């Protein structure tokens, strides 16, 4: 019997539009996402570099875009967070141990919290026993050690733990 649920964040709770960020970056001069940008993003997602270093790294691939414009383009993917999803979490939070595990960066989390407001964000986070963002824990899905980290920190039983993610490649 399942007693624990680990949820992803993007496209599970908050709706995302990756094409919006791709389009916004394209308008800034980035014709395609390349391996250098991918490496930069992954370094940012695990907290190896800070926001300024990340945005300046992206800036090198643009037509001289302003840093704030790059930040806005990067956050273009963040859409709405339907209230019924928060209400669902609140409903099940007394029945299961809940955790949040997301590959994300501080730029996206800052934007999310600003967009939905501190009260909504606080209500959301309070549904979870613990929230894990990749940029804070220094590791990301689908690295097996990321899952082991959470399981070990909370003495979870894998056979009694459900992991909910929008990306099949991240399901252990």
C-alpha atoms as a PDB file:
ATOM      1  CA  UNK A   1       0.000   0.000   0.000  1.00  0.00           C
ATOM      2  CA  UNK A   2       1.283   3.440  -0.958  1.00  0.00           C
ATOM      3  CA  UNK A   3       1.980   5.714   2.015  1.00  0.00           C
ATOM      4  CA  UNK A   4       4.244   8.306   0.352  1.00  0.00           C
ATOM      5  CA  UNK A   5       3.972  10.349  -2.840  1.00  0.00           C
ATOM      6  CA  UNK A   6       6.832  12.299  -4.373  1.00  0.00           C
ATOM      7  CA  UNK A   7       5.591  14.852  -6.892  1.00  0.00           C
ATOM      8  CA  UNK A   8       7.367  16.744  -9.625  1.00  0.00           C
ATOM      9  CA  UNK A   9       6.434  20.421  -9.945  1.00  0.00           C
ATOM     10  CA  UNK A  10       6.401  21.514 -13.599  1.00  0.00           C
ATOM     11  CA  UNK A  11       3.488  20.280 -15.701  1.00  0.00           C
ATOM     12  CA  UNK A  12       2.233  18.407 -12.656  1.00  0.00           C
ATOM     13  CA  UNK A  13       1.174  21.459 -10.630  1.00  0.00           C
ATOM     14  CA  UNK A  14       2.256  24.537 -12.582  1.00  0.00           C
ATOM     15  CA  UNK A  15       1.557  24.483 -16.297  1.00  0.00           C
ATOM     16  CA  UNK A  16       4.567  25.010 -18.543  1.00  0.00           C
ATOM     17  CA  UNK A  17       5.070  26.127 -22.126  1.00  0.00           C
ATOM     18  CA  UNK A  18       8.634  25.302 -23.196  1.00  0.00           C
ATOM     19  CA  UNK A  19       7.886  26.664 -26.651  1.00  0.00           C
ATOM     20  CA  UNK A  20       7.264  30.107 -25.152  1.00  0.00           C
ATOM     21  CA  UNK A  21      10.798  30.238 -23.739  1.00  0.00           C
ATOM     22  CA  UNK A  22      12.247  28.816 -26.942  1.00  0.00           C
ATOM     23  CA  UNK A  23      10.410  31.454 -28.979  1.00  0.00           C
ATOM     24  CA  UNK A  24      11.445  34.278 -26.624  1.00  0.00           C
ATOM     25  CA  UNK A  25      15.093  33.187 -26.731  1.00  0.00           C
ATOM     26  CA  UNK A  26      14.903  32.875 -30.507  1.00  0.00           C
ATOM     27  CA  UNK A  27      13.749  36.495 -30.668  1.00  0.00           C
ATOM     28  CA  UNK A  28      16.879  37.405 -28.688  1.00  0.00           C
ATOM     29  CA  UNK A  29      19.091  35.725 -31.274  1.00  0.00           C
ATOM     30  CA  UNK A  30      19.390  32.154 -30.024  1.00  0.00           C
ATOM     31  CA  UNK A  31      18.536  30.123 -33.096  1.00  0.00           C
ATOM     32  CA  UNK A  32      18.867  26.716 -31.432  1.00  0.00           C
ATOM     33  CA  UNK A  33      19.519  25.293 -27.987  1.00  0.00           C
ATOM     34  CA  UNK A  34      23.038  23.859 -28.200  1.00  0.00           C
ATOM     35  CA  UNK A  35      25.208  21.675 -25.971  1.00  0.00           C
ATOM     36  CA  UNK A  36      26.943  24.680 -24.393  1.00  0.00           C
ATOM     37  CA  UNK A  37      23.599  26.163 -23.335  1.00  0.00           C
ATOM     38  CA  UNK A  38      22.419  22.752 -22.129  1.00  0.00           C
ATOM     39  CA  UNK A  39      25.540  22.378 -19.973  1.00  0.00           C
ATOM     40  CA  UNK A  40      25.037  25.894 -18.618  1.00  0.00           C
ATOM     41  CA  UNK A  41      21.416  25.117 -17.750  1.00  0.00           C
ATOM     42  CA  UNK A  42      22.286  21.862 -15.986  1.00  0.00           C
ATOM     43  CA  UNK A  43      25.005  23.636 -13.982  1.00  0.00           C
ATOM     44  CA  UNK A  44      22.450  26.231 -12.943  1.00  0.00           C
ATOM     45  CA  UNK A  45      19.833  23.592 -12.090  1.00  0.00           C
ATOM     46  CA  UNK A  46      22.194  21.922  -9.623  1.00  0.00           C
ATOM     47  CA  UNK A  47      23.401  25.171  -8.084  1.00  0.00           C
ATOM     48  CA  UNK A  48      26.952  25.070  -9.444  1.00  0.00           C
ATOM     49  CA  UNK A  49      26.504  28.580 -10.834  1.00  0.00           C
ATOM     50  CA  UNK A  50      24.303  31.466  -9.747  1.00  0.00           C
ATOM     51  CA  UNK A  51      21.632  33.317 -11.694  1.00  0.00           C
ATOM     52  CA  UNK A  52      23.914  36.105 -12.880  1.00  0.00           C
ATOM     53  CA  UNK A  53      26.496  33.671 -14.225  1.00  0.00           C
ATOM     54  CA  UNK A  54      23.754  31.686 -15.957  1.00  0.00           C
ATOM     55  CA  UNK A  55      22.115  34.717 -17.569  1.00  0.00           C
ATOM     56  CA  UNK A  56      25.469  36.163 -18.648  1.00  0.00           C
ATOM     57  CA  UNK A  57      26.282  32.766 -20.164  1.00  0.00           C
ATOM     58  CA  UNK A  58      23.033  32.828 -22.122  1.00  0.00           C
ATOM     59  CA  UNK A  59      23.665  36.450 -23.098  1.00  0.00           C
ATOM     60  CA  UNK A  60      26.782  35.392 -25.044  1.00  0.00           C
ATOM     61  CA  UNK A  61      24.485  33.517 -27.435  1.00  0.00           C
ATOM     62  CA  UNK A  62      22.094  36.435 -27.995  1.00  0.00           C
ATOM     63  CA  UNK A  63      22.253  39.579 -30.063  1.00  0.00           C
ATOM     64  CA  UNK A  64      23.384  41.567 -27.013  1.00  0.00           C
ATOM     65  CA  UNK A  65      20.116  41.200 -25.103  1.00  0.00           C
ATOM     66  CA  UNK A  66      19.755  42.906 -21.721  1.00  0.00           C
ATOM     67  CA  UNK A  67      20.053  40.618 -18.685  1.00  0.00           C
ATOM     68  CA  UNK A  68      16.528  41.419 -17.489  1.00  0.00           C
ATOM     69  CA  UNK A  69      15.146  40.588 -20.951  1.00  0.00           C
ATOM     70  CA  UNK A  70      16.920  37.228 -20.876  1.00  0.00           C
ATOM     71  CA  UNK A  71      15.450  36.551 -17.428  1.00  0.00           C
ATOM     72  CA  UNK A  72      11.959  37.344 -18.734  1.00  0.00           C
ATOM     73  CA  UNK A  73      12.495  35.066 -21.741  1.00  0.00           C
ATOM     74  CA  UNK A  74      13.746  32.290 -19.462  1.00  0.00           C
ATOM     75  CA  UNK A  75      10.611  32.594 -17.320  1.00  0.00           C
ATOM     76  CA  UNK A  76       8.220  32.699 -20.301  1.00  0.00           C
ATOM     77  CA  UNK A  77       7.528  28.983 -19.861  1.00  0.00           C
ATOM     78  CA  UNK A  78       5.806  29.489 -16.487  1.00  0.00           C
ATOM     79  CA  UNK A  79       2.051  29.583 -16.955  1.00  0.00           C
ATOM     80  CA  UNK A  80      -0.783  29.179 -14.466  1.00  0.00           C
ATOM     81  CA  UNK A  81      -1.172  27.039 -11.373  1.00  0.00           C
ATOM     82  CA  UNK A  82      -4.821  25.973 -11.204  1.00  0.00           C
ATOM     83  CA  UNK A  83      -6.336  26.297  -7.737  1.00  0.00           C
ATOM     84  CA  UNK A  84      -7.918  22.824  -7.914  1.00  0.00           C
ATOM     85  CA  UNK A  85      -4.423  21.295  -7.881  1.00  0.00           C
ATOM     86  CA  UNK A  86      -3.615  23.013  -4.599  1.00  0.00           C
ATOM     87  CA  UNK A  87      -6.977  21.929  -3.207  1.00  0.00           C
ATOM     88  CA  UNK A  88      -6.221  18.337  -4.261  1.00  0.00           C
ATOM     89  CA  UNK A  89      -2.894  18.449  -2.408  1.00  0.00           C
ATOM     90  CA  UNK A  90      -4.526  19.879   0.686  1.00  0.00           C
ATOM     91  CA  UNK A  91      -7.090  17.096   0.568  1.00  0.00           C
ATOM     92  CA  UNK A  92      -4.539  14.254   0.390  1.00  0.00           C
ATOM     93  CA  UNK A  93      -1.856  15.775   2.633  1.00  0.00           C
ATOM     94  CA  UNK A  94      -3.374  14.198   5.748  1.00  0.00           C
ATOM     95  CA  UNK A  95      -3.498  10.745   4.124  1.00  0.00           C
ATOM     96  CA  UNK A  96       0.005  10.498   2.633  1.00  0.00           C
ATOM     97  CA  UNK A  97       3.507  11.681   3.267  1.00  0.00           C
ATOM     98  CA  UNK A  98       4.068  14.193   0.465  1.00  0.00           C
ATOM     99  CA  UNK A  99       7.325  15.450  -1.021  1.00  0.00           C
ATOM    100  CA  UNK A 100       8.139  17.739  -3.928  1.00  0.00           C
ATOM    101  CA  UNK A 101      11.146  17.006  -6.158  1.00  0.00           C
ATOM    102  CA  UNK A 102      11.824  19.290  -9.094  1.00  0.00           C
ATOM    103  CA  UNK A 103      14.652  19.957 -11.522  1.00  0.00           C
ATOM    104  CA  UNK A 104      14.499  23.724 -11.431  1.00  0.00           C
ATOM    105  CA  UNK A 105      16.476  26.865 -10.753  1.00  0.00           C
ATOM    106  CA  UNK A 106      16.112  29.856  -8.465  1.00  0.00           C
ATOM    107  CA  UNK A 107      14.977  32.111 -11.331  1.00  0.00           C
ATOM    108  CA  UNK A 108      11.924  29.959 -11.987  1.00  0.00           C
ATOM    109  CA  UNK A 109      11.097  29.554  -8.305  1.00  0.00           C
ATOM    110  CA  UNK A 110      11.377  33.301  -7.676  1.00  0.00           C
ATOM    111  CA  UNK A 111       9.071  33.965 -10.632  1.00  0.00           C
ATOM    112  CA  UNK A 112       6.583  31.304  -9.522  1.00  0.00           C
ATOM    113  CA  UNK A 113       6.401  32.739  -5.992  1.00  0.00           C
ATOM    114  CA  UNK A 114       6.005  36.273  -7.321  1.00  0.00           C
ATOM    115  CA  UNK A 115       3.395  35.219  -9.882  1.00  0.00           C
ATOM    116  CA  UNK A 116       1.140  33.285  -7.485  1.00  0.00           C
ATOM    117  CA  UNK A 117       1.861  35.387  -4.389  1.00  0.00           C
ATOM    118  CA  UNK A 118       3.452  34.490  -1.088  1.00  0.00           C
ATOM    119  CA  UNK A 119       0.212  33.243   0.481  1.00  0.00           C
ATOM    120  CA  UNK A 120      -0.503  30.776  -2.339  1.00  0.00           C
ATOM    121  CA  UNK A 121       3.141  29.629  -2.449  1.00  0.00           C
ATOM    122  CA  UNK A 122       3.189  29.139   1.327  1.00  0.00           C
ATOM    123  CA  UNK A 123      -0.061  27.130   1.168  1.00  0.00           C
ATOM    124  CA  UNK A 124       1.430  25.015  -1.611  1.00  0.00           C
ATOM    125  CA  UNK A 125       4.742  24.336   0.139  1.00  0.00           C
ATOM    126  CA  UNK A 126       3.003  23.555   3.429  1.00  0.00           C
ATOM    127  CA  UNK A 127       1.341  20.514   1.821  1.00  0.00           C
ATOM    128  CA  UNK A 128       4.723  18.800   1.682  1.00  0.00           C
ATOM    129  CA  UNK A 129       6.803  17.270   4.408  1.00  0.00           C
ATOM    130  CA  UNK A 130       9.821  18.568   2.496  1.00  0.00           C
ATOM    131  CA  UNK A 131      10.403  20.408  -0.784  1.00  0.00           C
ATOM    132  CA  UNK A 132      13.457  19.466  -2.846  1.00  0.00           C
ATOM    133  CA  UNK A 133      14.640  21.710  -5.660  1.00  0.00           C
ATOM    134  CA  UNK A 134      17.612  20.505  -7.686  1.00  0.00           C
ATOM    135  CA  UNK A 135      19.424  23.828  -7.362  1.00  0.00           C
ATOM    136  CA  UNK A 136      19.300  23.520  -3.565  1.00  0.00           C
ATOM    137  CA  UNK A 137      20.333  19.867  -3.232  1.00  0.00           C
ATOM    138  CA  UNK A 138      22.996  19.883  -5.947  1.00  0.00           C
ATOM    139  CA  UNK A 139      21.580  16.983  -7.923  1.00  0.00           C
ATOM    140  CA  UNK A 140      18.835  16.380 -10.430  1.00  0.00           C
ATOM    141  CA  UNK A 141      16.581  13.723 -11.865  1.00  0.00           C
ATOM    142  CA  UNK A 142      17.052  11.163 -13.349  1.00  0.00           C
ATOM    143  CA  UNK A 143      20.290  10.601 -11.383  1.00  0.00           C
ATOM    144  CA  UNK A 144      19.555   7.606  -9.166  1.00  0.00           C
ATOM    145  CA  UNK A 145      21.345   9.274  -6.248  1.00  0.00           C
ATOM    146  CA  UNK A 146      18.725  12.032  -6.261  1.00  0.00           C
ATOM    147  CA  UNK A 147      15.988   9.535  -5.432  1.00  0.00           C
ATOM    148  CA  UNK A 148      18.188   7.718  -2.919  1.00  0.00           C
ATOM    149  CA  UNK A 149      18.899  11.053  -1.230  1.00  0.00           C
ATOM    150  CA  UNK A 150      15.220  11.650  -0.502  1.00  0.00           C
ATOM    151  CA  UNK A 151      14.519   8.030   0.406  1.00  0.00           C
ATOM    152  CA  UNK A 152      17.475   8.002   2.798  1.00  0.00           C
ATOM    153  CA  UNK A 153      16.692  11.375   4.387  1.00  0.00           C
ATOM    154  CA  UNK A 154      13.176  10.290   5.303  1.00  0.00           C
ATOM    155  CA  UNK A 155      13.494   6.507   5.726  1.00  0.00           C
ATOM    156  CA  UNK A 156      11.025   5.938   2.899  1.00  0.00           C
ATOM    157  CA  UNK A 157      10.137   2.467   1.687  1.00  0.00           C
ATOM    158  CA  UNK A 158      10.502   2.492  -2.130  1.00  0.00           C
ATOM    159  CA  UNK A 159       7.775  -0.144  -2.569  1.00  0.00           C
ATOM    160  CA  UNK A 160       5.368   2.111  -0.672  1.00  0.00           C
ATOM    161  CA  UNK A 161       6.393   5.287  -2.494  1.00  0.00           C
ATOM    162  CA  UNK A 162       4.715   6.617  -5.625  1.00  0.00           C
ATOM    163  CA  UNK A 163       6.592   9.063  -7.837  1.00  0.00           C
ATOM    164  CA  UNK A 164       4.495  11.361 -10.048  1.00  0.00           C
ATOM    165  CA  UNK A 165       6.290  13.148 -12.899  1.00  0.00           C
ATOM    166  CA  UNK A 166       5.331  14.438 -16.330  1.00  0.00           C
ATOM    167  CA  UNK A 167       8.529  13.053 -17.882  1.00  0.00           C
ATOM    168  CA  UNK A 168       8.707   9.252 -18.230  1.00  0.00           C
ATOM    169  CA  UNK A 169      12.527   9.438 -18.365  1.00  0.00           C
ATOM    170  CA  UNK A 170      12.502  10.668 -14.745  1.00  0.00           C
ATOM    171  CA  UNK A 171      10.411   7.834 -13.329  1.00  0.00           C
ATOM    172  CA  UNK A 172      12.765   5.458 -11.478  1.00  0.00           C
END
